[in-house]
C-alpha atoms as a PDB file:
ATOM      1  CA  MET A   1     -65.003 -30.636  36.833  1.00  0.00           C
ATOM      2  CA  GLU A   2     -64.172 -32.685  39.910  1.00  0.00           C
ATOM      3  CA  LEU A   3     -61.204 -32.070  42.216  1.00  0.00           C
ATOM      4  CA  TYR A   4     -60.961 -35.302  44.158  1.00  0.00           C
ATOM      5  CA  TYR A   5     -59.144 -34.215  47.328  1.00  0.00           C
ATOM      6  CA  ILE A   6     -60.935 -30.987  48.262  1.00  0.00           C
ATOM      7  CA  MET A   7     -63.285 -32.830  50.613  1.00  0.00           C
ATOM      8  CA  PHE A   8     -60.325 -33.765  52.823  1.00  0.00           C
ATOM      9  CA  TYR A   9     -58.865 -30.285  53.198  1.00  0.00           C
ATOM     10  CA  ASN A  10     -60.581 -29.454  56.472  1.00  0.00           C
ATOM     11  CA  ARG A  11     -59.943 -27.506  59.632  1.00  0.00           C
ATOM     12  CA  LEU A  12     -56.951 -29.562  60.797  1.00  0.00           C
ATOM     13  CA  LYS A  13     -54.954 -29.149  57.598  1.00  0.00           C
ATOM     14  CA  THR A  14     -55.794 -25.435  57.681  1.00  0.00           C
ATOM     15  CA  ILE A  15     -54.324 -25.257  61.200  1.00  0.00           C
ATOM     16  CA  TYR A  16     -51.166 -27.047  60.040  1.00  0.00           C
ATOM     17  CA  PHE A  17     -50.746 -24.672  57.103  1.00  0.00           C
ATOM     18  CA  GLN A  18     -51.380 -21.549  59.196  1.00  0.00           C
ATOM     19  CA  GLU A  19     -48.959 -22.676  61.914  1.00  0.00           C
ATOM     20  CA  TRP A  20     -46.282 -23.303  59.321  1.00  0.00           C
ATOM     21  CA  LEU A  21     -46.785 -19.860  57.751  1.00  0.00           C
ATOM     22  CA  MET A  22     -46.771 -18.144  61.159  1.00  0.00           C
ATOM     23  CA  GLU A  23     -43.531 -19.835  62.153  1.00  0.00           C
ATOM     24  CA  ALA A  24     -41.973 -18.982  58.793  1.00  0.00           C
ATOM     25  CA  HIS A  25     -43.115 -15.361  59.111  1.00  0.00           C
ATOM     26  CA  HIS A  26     -41.510 -14.958  62.515  1.00  0.00           C
ATOM     27  CA  GLN A  27     -38.260 -16.282  61.081  1.00  0.00           C
ATOM     28  CA  LYS A  28     -38.046 -13.232  58.824  1.00  0.00           C
ATOM     29  CA  SER A  29     -39.450 -14.954  55.769  1.00  0.00           C
ATOM     30  CA  ILE A  30     -41.965 -13.687  53.252  1.00  0.00           C
ATOM     31  CA  ASN A  31     -45.479 -15.025  52.933  1.00  0.00           C
ATOM     32  CA  ILE A  32     -47.558 -13.409  50.243  1.00  0.00           C
ATOM     33  CA  ASN A  33     -50.973 -14.288  48.885  1.00  0.00           C
ATOM     34  CA  THR A  34     -51.592 -12.239  45.753  1.00  0.00           C
ATOM     35  CA  GLY A  35     -55.318 -11.894  46.354  1.00  0.00           C
ATOM     36  CA  HIS A  36     -55.855 -12.443  42.612  1.00  0.00           C
ATOM     37  CA  PHE A  37     -54.480 -15.940  42.113  1.00  0.00           C
ATOM     38  CA  PRO A  38     -54.799 -18.987  44.395  1.00  0.00           C
ATOM     39  CA  VAL A  39     -51.052 -19.084  45.079  1.00  0.00           C
ATOM     40  CA  ASN A  40     -48.789 -18.649  48.107  1.00  0.00           C
ATOM     41  CA  VAL A  41     -45.052 -18.061  47.824  1.00  0.00           C
ATOM     42  CA  PHE A  42     -42.782 -17.857  50.842  1.00  0.00           C
ATOM     43  CA  ASN A  43     -39.307 -18.468  52.175  1.00  0.00           C
ATOM     44  CA  THR A  44     -38.756 -20.550  55.286  1.00  0.00           C
ATOM     45  CA  ASP A  45     -36.042 -22.392  57.161  1.00  0.00           C
ATOM     46  CA  VAL A  46     -38.462 -24.276  59.435  1.00  0.00           C
ATOM     47  CA  GLN A  47     -36.621 -27.466  60.313  1.00  0.00           C
ATOM     48  CA  VAL A  48     -39.447 -29.868  61.040  1.00  0.00           C
ATOM     49  CA  PHE A  49     -43.125 -30.036  60.152  1.00  0.00           C
ATOM     50  CA  PRO A  50     -45.594 -32.884  60.790  1.00  0.00           C
ATOM     51  CA  PRO A  51     -47.297 -34.934  58.075  1.00  0.00           C
ATOM     52  CA  HIS A  52     -49.992 -33.027  56.223  1.00  0.00           C
ATOM     53  CA  TRP A  53     -51.766 -33.055  52.874  1.00  0.00           C
ATOM     54  CA  HIS A  54     -53.826 -30.605  50.855  1.00  0.00           C
ATOM     55  CA  GLU A  55     -55.414 -30.022  47.460  1.00  0.00           C
ATOM     56  CA  ARG A  56     -52.664 -27.607  46.457  1.00  0.00           C
ATOM     57  CA  ILE A  57     -49.672 -28.559  44.379  1.00  0.00           C
ATOM     58  CA  GLU A  58     -46.532 -27.714  46.335  1.00  0.00           C
ATOM     59  CA  ILE A  59     -43.112 -27.018  44.842  1.00  0.00           C
ATOM     60  CA  VAL A  60     -40.012 -26.905  47.048  1.00  0.00           C
ATOM     61  CA  TYR A  61     -36.845 -25.179  45.805  1.00  0.00           C
ATOM     62  CA  VAL A  62     -33.795 -25.610  48.047  1.00  0.00           C
ATOM     63  CA  LEU A  63     -31.589 -22.607  48.811  1.00  0.00           C
ATOM     64  CA  GLY A  64     -29.526 -24.215  51.595  1.00  0.00           C
ATOM     65  CA  ASP A  65     -27.160 -27.162  51.611  1.00  0.00           C
ATOM     66  CA  GLU A  66     -29.384 -30.126  52.501  1.00  0.00           C
ATOM     67  CA  LEU A  67     -33.056 -30.778  53.178  1.00  0.00           C
ATOM     68  CA  LYS A  68     -34.840 -34.037  54.011  1.00  0.00           C
ATOM     69  CA  ILE A  69     -38.480 -34.338  52.988  1.00  0.00           C
ATOM     70  CA  GLY A  70     -40.788 -37.268  53.603  1.00  0.00           C
ATOM     71  CA  LEU A  71     -43.209 -37.785  50.730  1.00  0.00           C
ATOM     72  CA  ASN A  72     -45.765 -40.558  51.181  1.00  0.00           C
ATOM     73  CA  ASN A  73     -43.587 -43.436  52.409  1.00  0.00           C
ATOM     74  CA  CYS A  74     -40.291 -42.231  50.867  1.00  0.00           C
ATOM     75  CA  VAL A  75     -37.653 -39.846  52.204  1.00  0.00           C
ATOM     76  CA  TYR A  76     -35.855 -37.565  49.741  1.00  0.00           C
ATOM     77  CA  THR A  77     -32.559 -35.842  50.501  1.00  0.00           C
ATOM     78  CA  LEU A  78     -32.399 -32.578  48.558  1.00  0.00           C
ATOM     79  CA  HIS A  79     -29.360 -30.384  48.017  1.00  0.00           C
ATOM     80  CA  LYS A  80     -28.865 -26.791  46.909  1.00  0.00           C
ATOM     81  CA  ARG A  81     -31.017 -25.874  43.882  1.00  0.00           C
ATOM     82  CA  ASP A  82     -32.838 -29.235  43.882  1.00  0.00           C
ATOM     83  CA  ILE A  83     -36.607 -29.130  43.273  1.00  0.00           C
ATOM     84  CA  LEU A  84     -39.336 -31.414  44.633  1.00  0.00           C
ATOM     85  CA  ILE A  85     -42.934 -31.403  43.406  1.00  0.00           C
ATOM     86  CA  VAL A  86     -45.650 -32.585  45.794  1.00  0.00           C
ATOM     87  CA  GLY A  87     -48.926 -33.546  44.159  1.00  0.00           C
ATOM     88  CA  MET A  88     -52.471 -33.143  45.426  1.00  0.00           C
ATOM     89  CA  GLY A  89     -53.396 -35.287  48.427  1.00  0.00           C
ATOM     90  CA  GLU A  90     -49.847 -36.569  48.953  1.00  0.00           C
ATOM     91  CA  VAL A  91     -48.712 -36.879  52.562  1.00  0.00           C
ATOM     92  CA  HIS A  92     -45.484 -34.947  53.123  1.00  0.00           C
ATOM     93  CA  TYR A  93     -43.393 -33.549  55.967  1.00  0.00           C
ATOM     94  CA  PHE A  94     -39.994 -32.036  56.777  1.00  0.00           C
ATOM     95  CA  LEU A  95     -37.487 -33.998  58.841  1.00  0.00           C
ATOM     96  CA  MET A  96     -35.242 -32.654  61.599  1.00  0.00           C
ATOM     97  CA  GLN A  97     -31.596 -32.191  60.651  1.00  0.00           C
ATOM     98  CA  PRO A  98     -28.517 -30.559  62.227  1.00  0.00           C
ATOM     99  CA  GLN A  99     -28.526 -27.341  60.185  1.00  0.00           C
ATOM    100  CA  LYS A 100     -31.404 -25.149  59.070  1.00  0.00           C
ATOM    101  CA  CYS A 101     -32.041 -25.069  55.351  1.00  0.00           C
ATOM    102  CA  ASP A 102     -33.661 -22.099  53.627  1.00  0.00           C
ATOM    103  CA  ARG A 103     -36.045 -22.857  50.783  1.00  0.00           C
ATOM    104  CA  ILE A 104     -38.690 -21.312  48.548  1.00  0.00           C
ATOM    105  CA  ILE A 105     -42.152 -22.863  48.729  1.00  0.00           C
ATOM    106  CA  VAL A 106     -44.747 -22.340  46.001  1.00  0.00           C
ATOM    107  CA  HIS A 107     -48.337 -23.495  46.628  1.00  0.00           C
ATOM    108  CA  PHE A 108     -50.935 -23.155  43.911  1.00  0.00           C
ATOM    109  CA  GLU A 109     -54.479 -24.430  43.526  1.00  0.00           C
ATOM    110  CA  LEU A 110     -55.907 -25.973  40.384  1.00  0.00           C
ATOM    111  CA  SER A 111     -58.955 -23.699  40.508  1.00  0.00           C
ATOM    112  CA  LEU A 112     -56.780 -21.205  38.611  1.00  0.00           C
ATOM    113  CA  PHE A 113     -57.019 -23.334  35.462  1.00  0.00           C
ATOM    114  CA  GLY A 114     -60.797 -23.735  35.284  1.00  0.00           C
ATOM    115  CA  SER A 115     -61.871 -26.684  33.156  1.00  0.00           C
ATOM    116  CA  LEU A 116     -58.227 -27.463  32.325  1.00  0.00           C
ATOM    117  CA  ALA A 117     -57.704 -28.537  35.955  1.00  0.00           C
ATOM    118  CA  ASN A 118     -58.880 -32.026  34.991  1.00  0.00           C
ATOM    119  CA  SER A 119     -55.704 -32.408  32.932  1.00  0.00           C
ATOM    120  CA  ILE A 120     -53.520 -32.320  36.049  1.00  0.00           C
ATOM    121  CA  SER A 121     -55.772 -33.501  38.876  1.00  0.00           C
ATOM    122  CA  GLY A 122     -55.899 -37.139  39.918  1.00  0.00           C
ATOM    123  CA  ARG A 123     -52.361 -37.881  38.708  1.00  0.00           C
ATOM    124  CA  ARG A 124     -49.478 -39.606  40.477  1.00  0.00           C
ATOM    125  CA  LEU A 125     -46.034 -38.110  39.861  1.00  0.00           C
ATOM    126  CA  LEU A 126     -43.648 -41.002  39.281  1.00  0.00           C
ATOM    127  CA  ASN A 127     -40.453 -38.972  39.663  1.00  0.00           C
ATOM    128  CA  PRO A 128     -41.149 -35.835  41.713  1.00  0.00           C
ATOM    129  CA  LEU A 129     -37.483 -34.945  42.326  1.00  0.00           C
ATOM    130  CA  ILE A 130     -35.738 -32.644  39.845  1.00  0.00           C
ATOM    131  CA  PRO A 131     -32.045 -32.549  40.828  1.00  0.00           C
ATOM    132  CA  PHE A 132     -29.653 -29.771  39.870  1.00  0.00           C
ATOM    133  CA  CYS A 133     -27.023 -31.093  37.440  1.00  0.00           C
ATOM    134  CA  PRO A 134     -24.321 -28.465  36.787  1.00  0.00           C
ATOM    135  CA  GLU A 135     -22.680 -30.582  34.092  1.00  0.00           C
ATOM    136  CA  ASN A 136     -25.649 -30.237  31.706  1.00  0.00           C
ATOM    137  CA  ALA A 137     -24.631 -28.790  28.347  1.00  0.00           C
ATOM    138  CA  PRO A 138     -26.110 -25.294  27.852  1.00  0.00           C
ATOM    139  CA  GLU A 139     -27.490 -26.135  24.393  1.00  0.00           C
ATOM    140  CA  VAL A 140     -29.442 -29.161  25.665  1.00  0.00           C
ATOM    141  CA  PHE A 141     -32.924 -28.712  27.133  1.00  0.00           C
ATOM    142  CA  SER A 142     -32.695 -28.849  30.921  1.00  0.00           C
ATOM    143  CA  LEU A 143     -35.788 -29.854  32.881  1.00  0.00           C
ATOM    144  CA  HIS A 144     -34.237 -28.365  36.009  1.00  0.00           C
ATOM    145  CA  GLU A 145     -33.500 -25.057  34.296  1.00  0.00           C
ATOM    146  CA  TYR A 146     -37.080 -24.883  33.011  1.00  0.00           C
ATOM    147  CA  PHE A 147     -38.604 -25.201  36.497  1.00  0.00           C
ATOM    148  CA  GLU A 148     -35.911 -23.210  38.293  1.00  0.00           C
ATOM    149  CA  ARG A 149     -36.365 -20.222  36.009  1.00  0.00           C
ATOM    150  CA  ILE A 150     -40.149 -20.201  36.529  1.00  0.00           C
ATOM    151  CA  ILE A 151     -39.864 -20.567  40.335  1.00  0.00           C
ATOM    152  CA  LEU A 152     -37.324 -17.748  40.631  1.00  0.00           C
ATOM    153  CA  ASP A 153     -39.321 -15.529  38.283  1.00  0.00           C
ATOM    154  CA  ILE A 154     -42.461 -16.047  40.384  1.00  0.00           C
ATOM    155  CA  HIS A 155     -40.533 -15.389  43.581  1.00  0.00           C
ATOM    156  CA  LEU A 156     -39.038 -12.162  42.198  1.00  0.00           C
ATOM    157  CA  GLU A 157     -42.294 -10.840  40.749  1.00  0.00           C
ATOM    158  CA  ILE A 158     -44.368 -11.545  43.824  1.00  0.00           C
ATOM    159  CA  HIS A 159     -41.702  -9.914  46.005  1.00  0.00           C
ATOM    160  CA  ARG A 160     -41.406  -6.756  43.881  1.00  0.00           C
ATOM    161  CA  ARG A 161     -45.127  -6.451  43.047  1.00  0.00           C
ATOM    162  CA  GLU A 162     -44.537  -4.167  40.092  1.00  0.00           C
ATOM    163  CA  LYS A 163     -47.370  -3.024  37.835  1.00  0.00           C
ATOM    164  CA  GLY A 164     -48.993  -5.933  36.014  1.00  0.00           C
ATOM    165  CA  PHE A 165     -47.322  -8.605  38.146  1.00  0.00           C
ATOM    166  CA  GLU A 166     -50.618 -10.485  38.513  1.00  0.00           C
ATOM    167  CA  PHE A 167     -50.714 -11.190  34.761  1.00  0.00           C
ATOM    168  CA  PHE A 168     -47.112 -12.313  34.859  1.00  0.00           C
ATOM    169  CA  LEU A 169     -47.890 -14.702  37.715  1.00  0.00           C
ATOM    170  CA  GLY A 170     -50.835 -16.163  35.859  1.00  0.00           C
ATOM    171  CA  GLY A 171     -48.654 -16.940  32.860  1.00  0.00           C
ATOM    172  CA  ARG A 172     -45.883 -18.446  34.966  1.00  0.00           C
ATOM    173  CA  LEU A 173     -48.327 -20.680  36.858  1.00  0.00           C
ATOM    174  CA  TYR A 174     -49.675 -21.986  33.560  1.00  0.00           C
ATOM    175  CA  ASP A 175     -46.054 -22.710  32.563  1.00  0.00           C
ATOM    176  CA  LEU A 176     -45.576 -24.676  35.794  1.00  0.00           C
ATOM    177  CA  ALA A 177     -48.691 -26.768  35.200  1.00  0.00           C
ATOM    178  CA  ALA A 178     -47.720 -27.371  31.554  1.00  0.00           C
ATOM    179  CA  GLY A 179     -44.219 -28.445  32.612  1.00  0.00           C
ATOM    180  CA  ILE A 180     -45.596 -30.916  35.153  1.00  0.00           C
ATOM    181  CA  ILE A 181     -47.939 -32.487  32.595  1.00  0.00           C
ATOM    182  CA  ARG A 182     -45.429 -32.572  29.738  1.00  0.00           C
ATOM    183  CA  TYR A 183     -42.082 -33.240  31.384  1.00  0.00           C
ATOM    184  CA  ILE A 184     -42.654 -34.970  34.752  1.00  0.00           C
ATOM    185  CA  PRO A 185     -43.385 -38.714  34.390  1.00  0.00           C
ATOM    186  CA  ASN A 186     -46.885 -39.235  35.733  1.00  0.00           C
ATOM    187  CA  GLU A 187     -49.857 -41.528  35.435  1.00  0.00           C
ATOM    188  CA  LYS A 188     -53.570 -40.918  35.638  1.00  0.00           C
ATOM    189  CA  LEU A 189     -55.075 -42.795  38.553  1.00  0.00           C
ATOM    190  CA  CYS A 190     -57.946 -45.086  37.678  1.00  0.00           C
ATOM    191  CA  PRO A 191     -61.186 -44.768  39.681  1.00  0.00           C
ATOM    192  CA  ALA A 192     -60.250 -47.769  41.866  1.00  0.00           C
ATOM    193  CA  GLU A 193     -56.870 -46.226  42.728  1.00  0.00           C
ATOM    194  CA  MET A 194     -58.478 -42.848  43.411  1.00  0.00           C
ATOM    195  CA  ASN A 195     -60.976 -44.509  45.715  1.00  0.00           C
ATOM    196  CA  LYS A 196     -58.192 -46.339  47.549  1.00  0.00           C
ATOM    197  CA  GLN A 197     -56.234 -43.111  47.999  1.00  0.00           C
ATOM    198  CA  MET A 198     -59.312 -41.252  49.198  1.00  0.00           C
ATOM    199  CA  LYS A 199     -59.985 -43.963  51.783  1.00  0.00           C
ATOM    200  CA  LYS A 200     -56.417 -43.649  53.059  1.00  0.00           C
ATOM    201  CA  LEU A 201     -56.780 -39.902  53.445  1.00  0.00           C
ATOM    202  CA  GLN A 202     -60.161 -40.375  55.100  1.00  0.00           C
ATOM    203  CA  LEU A 203     -58.582 -42.719  57.654  1.00  0.00           C
ATOM    204  CA  LEU A 204     -55.778 -40.243  58.298  1.00  0.00           C
ATOM    205  CA  GLU A 205     -58.450 -37.589  58.719  1.00  0.00           C
ATOM    206  CA  GLN A 206     -60.132 -39.690  61.402  1.00  0.00           C
ATOM    207  CA  VAL A 207     -56.819 -40.225  63.185  1.00  0.00           C
ATOM    208  CA  ALA A 208     -56.048 -36.503  63.095  1.00  0.00           C
ATOM    209  CA  ASP A 209     -59.527 -35.717  64.405  1.00  0.00           C
ATOM    210  CA  TYR A 210     -59.114 -38.223  67.244  1.00  0.00           C
ATOM    211  CA  VAL A 211     -55.756 -36.715  68.233  1.00  0.00           C
ATOM    212  CA  ASP A 212     -57.141 -33.189  68.111  1.00  0.00           C
ATOM    213  CA  ARG A 213     -60.108 -34.063  70.341  1.00  0.00           C
ATOM    214  CA  ASN A 214     -58.176 -36.199  72.836  1.00  0.00           C
ATOM    215  CA  LEU A 215     -54.938 -34.247  73.055  1.00  0.00           C
ATOM    216  CA  TYR A 216     -55.310 -33.451  76.750  1.00  0.00           C
ATOM    217  CA  GLY A 217     -55.998 -37.020  77.809  1.00  0.00           C
ATOM    218  CA  GLU A 218     -53.978 -40.191  77.509  1.00  0.00           C
ATOM    219  CA  ILE A 219     -53.824 -41.294  73.872  1.00  0.00           C
ATOM    220  CA  THR A 220     -53.044 -44.986  73.472  1.00  0.00           C
ATOM    221  CA  LEU A 221     -52.340 -47.016  70.362  1.00  0.00           C
ATOM    222  CA  GLU A 222     -55.114 -49.395  71.361  1.00  0.00           C
ATOM    223  CA  GLU A 223     -57.726 -46.648  71.564  1.00  0.00           C
ATOM    224  CA  VAL A 224     -56.801 -44.881  68.334  1.00  0.00           C
ATOM    225  CA  SER A 225     -56.694 -48.240  66.503  1.00  0.00           C
ATOM    226  CA  LYS A 226     -60.146 -49.085  67.802  1.00  0.00           C
ATOM    227  CA  TYR A 227     -61.412 -45.641  66.751  1.00  0.00           C
ATOM    228  CA  VAL A 228     -60.598 -46.377  63.084  1.00  0.00           C
ATOM    229  CA  ASN A 229     -61.677 -50.044  63.331  1.00  0.00           C
ATOM    230  CA  PHE A 230     -58.173 -51.473  62.910  1.00  0.00           C
ATOM    231  CA  SER A 231     -56.216 -53.925  64.984  1.00  0.00           C
ATOM    232  CA  MET A 232     -53.122 -52.348  66.551  1.00  0.00           C
ATOM    233  CA  TYR A 233     -50.930 -54.396  64.199  1.00  0.00           C
ATOM    234  CA  HIS A 234     -52.753 -53.289  61.038  1.00  0.00           C
ATOM    235  CA  PHE A 235     -53.077 -49.686  62.208  1.00  0.00           C
ATOM    236  CA  THR A 236     -49.345 -49.488  62.946  1.00  0.00           C
ATOM    237  CA  ARG A 237     -48.512 -50.832  59.482  1.00  0.00           C
ATOM    238  CA  PHE A 238     -51.078 -48.627  57.749  1.00  0.00           C
ATOM    239  CA  PHE A 239     -49.874 -45.456  59.428  1.00  0.00           C
ATOM    240  CA  LYS A 240     -46.173 -46.091  58.755  1.00  0.00           C
ATOM    241  CA  ASP A 241     -46.785 -47.156  55.150  1.00  0.00           C
ATOM    242  CA  THR A 242     -48.962 -44.107  54.455  1.00  0.00           C
ATOM    243  CA  THR A 243     -47.037 -41.353  56.235  1.00  0.00           C
ATOM    244  CA  GLY A 244     -43.495 -42.742  56.453  1.00  0.00           C
ATOM    245  CA  MET A 245     -43.398 -42.277  60.234  1.00  0.00           C
ATOM    246  CA  THR A 246     -44.811 -44.021  63.264  1.00  0.00           C
ATOM    247  CA  PHE A 247     -47.954 -42.822  64.983  1.00  0.00           C
ATOM    248  CA  TRP A 248     -45.924 -41.753  68.030  1.00  0.00           C
ATOM    249  CA  GLN A 249     -43.588 -39.690  65.849  1.00  0.00           C
ATOM    250  CA  TYR A 250     -46.625 -38.045  64.289  1.00  0.00           C
ATOM    251  CA  LEU A 251     -48.208 -37.357  67.677  1.00  0.00           C
ATOM    252  CA  ASN A 252     -45.044 -35.768  69.100  1.00  0.00           C
ATOM    253  CA  ASN A 253     -44.595 -33.652  65.969  1.00  0.00           C
ATOM    254  CA  TYR A 254     -48.183 -32.477  66.228  1.00  0.00           C
ATOM    255  CA  LYS A 255     -47.804 -31.528  69.894  1.00  0.00           C
ATOM    256  CA  VAL A 256     -44.544 -29.685  69.272  1.00  0.00           C
ATOM    257  CA  SER A 257     -46.089 -27.851  66.319  1.00  0.00           C
ATOM    258  CA  LYS A 258     -48.881 -26.599  68.591  1.00  0.00           C
ATOM    259  CA  ALA A 259     -46.326 -25.634  71.252  1.00  0.00           C
ATOM    260  CA  ALA A 260     -44.276 -23.653  68.721  1.00  0.00           C
ATOM    261  CA  ASN A 261     -47.418 -21.775  67.709  1.00  0.00           C
ATOM    262  CA  TYR A 262     -48.132 -20.906  71.358  1.00  0.00           C
ATOM    263  CA  LEU A 263     -44.534 -19.781  71.895  1.00  0.00           C
ATOM    264  CA  ILE A 264     -44.784 -17.453  68.906  1.00  0.00           C
ATOM    265  CA  ASN A 265     -48.243 -16.033  69.471  1.00  0.00           C
ATOM    266  CA  THR A 266     -48.850 -15.981  73.238  1.00  0.00           C
ATOM    267  CA  SER A 267     -47.167 -14.811  76.408  1.00  0.00           C
ATOM    268  CA  ASP A 268     -48.096 -18.036  78.247  1.00  0.00           C
ATOM    269  CA  THR A 269     -45.544 -19.628  80.553  1.00  0.00           C
ATOM    270  CA  ILE A 270     -43.618 -22.715  79.485  1.00  0.00           C
ATOM    271  CA  SER A 271     -45.675 -24.872  81.852  1.00  0.00           C
ATOM    272  CA  GLU A 272     -48.959 -23.499  80.459  1.00  0.00           C
ATOM    273  CA  ILE A 273     -47.793 -24.120  76.903  1.00  0.00           C
ATOM    274  CA  ALA A 274     -46.683 -27.653  77.775  1.00  0.00           C
ATOM    275  CA  PHE A 275     -50.134 -28.471  79.163  1.00  0.00           C
ATOM    276  CA  ASN A 276     -52.000 -26.747  76.295  1.00  0.00           C
ATOM    277  CA  SER A 277     -49.955 -28.775  73.807  1.00  0.00           C
ATOM    278  CA  GLY A 278     -50.861 -32.109  75.370  1.00  0.00           C
ATOM    279  CA  PHE A 279     -47.766 -32.799  77.499  1.00  0.00           C
ATOM    280  CA  ASN A 280     -48.294 -34.018  81.056  1.00  0.00           C
ATOM    281  CA  SER A 281     -44.881 -32.969  82.371  1.00  0.00           C
ATOM    282  CA  ILE A 282     -42.390 -30.146  81.797  1.00  0.00           C
ATOM    283  CA  LYS A 283     -39.528 -32.653  81.630  1.00  0.00           C
ATOM    284  CA  THR A 284     -41.170 -34.619  78.817  1.00  0.00           C
ATOM    285  CA  PHE A 285     -42.125 -31.409  77.021  1.00  0.00           C
ATOM    286  CA  ASN A 286     -38.565 -30.060  77.079  1.00  0.00           C
ATOM    287  CA  ARG A 287     -37.094 -33.390  75.971  1.00  0.00           C
ATOM    288  CA  VAL A 288     -39.484 -33.955  73.058  1.00  0.00           C
ATOM    289  CA  PHE A 289     -39.373 -30.316  71.945  1.00  0.00           C
ATOM    290  CA  LYS A 290     -35.567 -30.325  71.832  1.00  0.00           C
ATOM    291  CA  GLN A 291     -35.522 -33.665  70.048  1.00  0.00           C
ATOM    292  CA  ILE A 292     -37.763 -32.323  67.276  1.00  0.00           C
ATOM    293  CA  LYS A 293     -36.803 -28.634  67.087  1.00  0.00           C
ATOM    294  CA  GLY A 294     -33.150 -28.951  68.065  1.00  0.00           C
ATOM    295  CA  CYS A 295     -33.445 -26.456  70.928  1.00  0.00           C
ATOM    296  CA  SER A 296     -35.373 -25.981  74.158  1.00  0.00           C
ATOM    297  CA  PRO A 297     -38.736 -24.143  74.175  1.00  0.00           C
ATOM    298  CA  SER A 298     -37.085 -21.158  75.891  1.00  0.00           C
ATOM    299  CA  GLU A 299     -34.292 -21.033  73.302  1.00  0.00           C
ATOM    300  CA  PHE A 300     -36.852 -21.298  70.511  1.00  0.00           C
ATOM    301  CA  LYS A 301     -38.867 -18.350  71.833  1.00  0.00           C
ATOM    302  CA  LYS A 302     -35.750 -16.264  72.346  1.00  0.00           C
ATOM    303  CA  ALA A 303     -34.504 -16.961  68.797  1.00  0.00           C
ATOM    304  CA  ILE A 304     -37.888 -16.080  67.268  1.00  0.00           C
ATOM    305  CA  PHE A 305     -37.965 -12.579  68.704  1.00  0.00           C
ATOM    306  CA  GLU A 306     -34.287 -11.663  68.471  1.00  0.00           C
END
């Protein structure tokens, strides 16, 4: 068995995932890892999160009114009860919007399925959005109802943790995987396409590594382009086409994500946090933070611990 994207799930993506979970936790959400199955289920209303990718399959179920999610180079606008499925190795992120939007997130790894993992790995989902359609006739099979019922059952079981819930979760996760294979239009990527996708992720990995190591200096488009052996023109196009956002948007989101983590988990001053997050001035820090999070760093910290 070969899971193609595991080699790219390194330290940086782990940091992204942990920061997201920490922020969600401090917003009175639940984050539970069963310890028996490779699955995480949690609620969050985090408004913005930078581009990231992982070997997990991620399912987003919207509880609020509207949620914008970037997936590869597309932006999806989801409404209450809509469902979005994010495949392995797909670049995705949450976009800033006026109102917070609560949602349920389910992450699960294909290692659960043993040799059957090959049936779902290395596939591109052609239509990852499952909208809620209230006008569906009750006697007709509803794709949305199928996935919604499983997601809510998993959420309820993992929250209650009653006797035997681990077996229930295992069965429900198999139902999710079966539903994706059977009902979601998808195509198996050929070796050439897999190689192309892996090279894209490898380049993004190099960019992320460069940003992480040079965060406290002056990062220029010229230098980061040279680091990945691209011209500035081709790097700019590659990054926007792959992630759906510009490099500068990515960089600011990354810095603000680090700052939010410091605000939650340290007692550092605002100026110390600004510097530790790669900002060279308090004014710029406050402006960029408010632009992305919708509030000032001080307001963010106050809201977290209220």
